[in-house]
Amino acid sequence: MTFVASFKTNPKMFNSFKSLFGMGPSADFKALAAQGATIIDVRSKAEYASGHIKGSINIPLDTLPNNLNKINKNKPVITCCASGMRSASAKGILQNNGFDVHNGGGWSSLKNQI
C-alpha cells in the first residue's frame, strides 16, 4: 500500500497528519469572539493603521515575545495578520508560553467570520 493510499483507507491517519501541520479543524471564531477572546493583530503599526478589526490589539510579531504581559492568559487568543503566515508564527510563540491560541489567518477574512 502506498503512502497516499493509506490516507484514503485510514481517515484517522489523514486527520492526524493534518493536525500535525496545522490544517486540522478550524476554530469557531465567532463563538470565541463572543466568549471574549483577545484578537492580536501581529502586522506592523502602519499595516494596522490602514485597517484592522475593531477591538483588536496591535502587537507586531517582532515585538510579541517582549509584550506577552499585555495579553490576558485567562482568555482565548486569536492571532491575525495580512495572510496568515505571521499569525501562525505568533500562535507558536503564544502556545509555547501557555496561551490558549488560535490562528485566525488574514485579518480581513477573520473580520468576516466574527
Protein backbone atom coordinates (compact mmCIF):
# COMPACT_ATOMS: atom_id res chain seq x y z
CA MET A 1 0.00 0.00 0.00
CA THR A 2 1.36 3.41 -0.92
CA PHE A 3 1.55 6.37 1.45
CA VAL A 4 -1.29 8.16 -0.38
CA ALA A 5 -3.46 5.06 -0.49
CA SER A 6 -3.09 4.65 3.28
CA PHE A 7 -4.62 8.13 3.73
CA LYS A 8 -7.63 7.13 1.66
CA THR A 9 -8.23 3.97 3.67
CA ASN A 10 -7.36 5.42 7.07
CA PRO A 11 -9.11 8.76 7.75
CA LYS A 12 -7.71 8.86 11.30
CA MET A 13 -4.18 8.86 9.89
CA PHE A 14 -5.11 11.66 7.48
CA ASN A 15 -6.63 13.78 10.28
CA SER A 16 -3.53 13.25 12.44
CA PHE A 17 -1.35 14.36 9.52
CA LYS A 18 -3.50 17.48 9.01
CA SER A 19 -3.31 18.37 12.70
CA LEU A 20 0.46 17.92 12.70
CA PHE A 21 0.77 20.60 10.02
CA GLY A 22 -1.85 22.95 11.46
CA MET A 23 -4.53 22.01 8.96
CA GLY A 24 -6.95 20.49 11.46
CA PRO A 25 -10.49 21.62 12.02
CA SER A 26 -10.72 25.39 12.17
CA ALA A 27 -11.92 27.13 15.29
CA ASP A 28 -15.33 28.74 15.58
CA PHE A 29 -14.00 32.29 15.62
CA LYS A 30 -17.45 33.81 16.05
CA ALA A 31 -18.01 31.77 19.22
CA LEU A 32 -14.52 32.57 20.52
CA ALA A 33 -15.09 36.29 19.95
CA ALA A 34 -18.47 36.08 21.69
CA GLN A 35 -16.71 34.46 24.66
CA GLY A 36 -14.37 37.45 24.89
CA ALA A 37 -11.32 36.18 23.04
CA THR A 38 -8.50 38.68 22.63
CA ILE A 39 -7.66 39.37 18.98
CA ILE A 40 -3.97 40.08 18.46
CA ASP A 41 -3.02 41.61 15.11
CA VAL A 42 0.68 40.99 14.54
CA ARG A 43 1.11 43.22 11.47
CA SER A 44 3.27 46.36 11.56
CA LYS A 45 1.88 49.56 13.05
CA ALA A 46 1.50 51.02 9.54
CA GLU A 47 -0.40 47.97 8.27
CA TYR A 48 -2.66 48.04 11.33
CA ALA A 49 -3.34 51.77 10.84
CA SER A 50 -4.53 51.09 7.28
CA GLY A 51 -7.34 48.85 8.57
CA HIS A 52 -7.99 46.38 11.38
CA ILE A 53 -10.65 44.54 13.36
CA LYS A 54 -12.36 46.81 15.85
CA GLY A 55 -11.19 45.96 19.37
CA SER A 56 -8.10 44.09 18.24
CA ILE A 57 -4.72 44.79 19.81
CA ASN A 58 -1.73 45.54 17.60
CA ILE A 59 1.44 43.80 18.73
CA PRO A 60 3.82 43.46 15.76
CA LEU A 61 5.27 39.95 15.51
CA ASP A 62 8.86 41.07 16.13
CA THR A 63 7.80 42.66 19.46
CA LEU A 64 5.48 39.87 20.61
CA PRO A 65 7.94 37.99 22.88
CA ASN A 66 8.58 41.22 24.82
CA ASN A 67 4.86 42.07 25.14
CA LEU A 68 3.33 38.84 26.42
CA ASN A 69 2.37 40.66 29.64
CA LYS A 70 -0.12 42.74 27.62
CA ILE A 71 -2.19 39.63 26.84
CA ASN A 72 -4.61 38.04 29.30
CA LYS A 73 -3.69 34.36 29.74
CA ASN A 74 -7.15 33.62 31.12
CA LYS A 75 -8.90 34.34 27.81
CA PRO A 76 -8.58 32.60 24.46
CA VAL A 77 -6.44 34.46 21.92
CA ILE A 78 -6.96 34.74 18.16
CA THR A 79 -3.98 35.88 16.11
CA CYS A 80 -4.26 37.56 12.72
CA CYS A 81 -2.07 39.33 10.18
CA ALA A 82 -2.29 40.02 6.44
CA SER A 83 -2.22 36.47 5.08
CA GLY A 84 -1.85 34.04 7.97
CA MET A 85 1.91 33.46 7.92
CA ARG A 86 2.89 35.86 10.72
CA SER A 87 -0.18 34.92 12.75
CA ALA A 88 0.89 31.25 12.54
CA SER A 89 4.30 32.24 13.93
CA ALA A 90 2.59 34.27 16.65
CA LYS A 91 0.42 31.27 17.53
CA GLY A 92 3.55 29.20 18.08
CA ILE A 93 5.12 31.83 20.33
CA LEU A 94 1.95 32.18 22.37
CA GLN A 95 1.37 28.40 22.64
CA ASN A 96 4.92 27.95 23.88
CA ASN A 97 4.12 30.47 26.61
CA GLY A 98 0.96 28.76 27.81
CA PHE A 99 -1.76 30.68 25.95
CA ASP A 100 -4.94 29.11 24.51
CA VAL A 101 -4.43 30.46 20.99
CA HIS A 102 -5.99 30.06 17.55
CA ASN A 103 -4.61 31.26 14.21
CA GLY A 104 -7.28 33.45 12.61
CA GLY A 105 -5.23 33.96 9.44
CA GLY A 106 -5.71 37.13 7.43
CA TRP A 107 -7.44 39.93 9.33
CA SER A 108 -9.95 40.79 6.59
CA SER A 109 -11.07 37.16 6.32
CA LEU A 110 -11.26 36.84 10.10
CA LYS A 111 -13.32 40.04 10.27
CA ASN A 112 -15.94 38.37 8.07
CA GLN A 113 -16.04 35.31 10.34
CA ILE A 114 -16.69 37.10 13.63
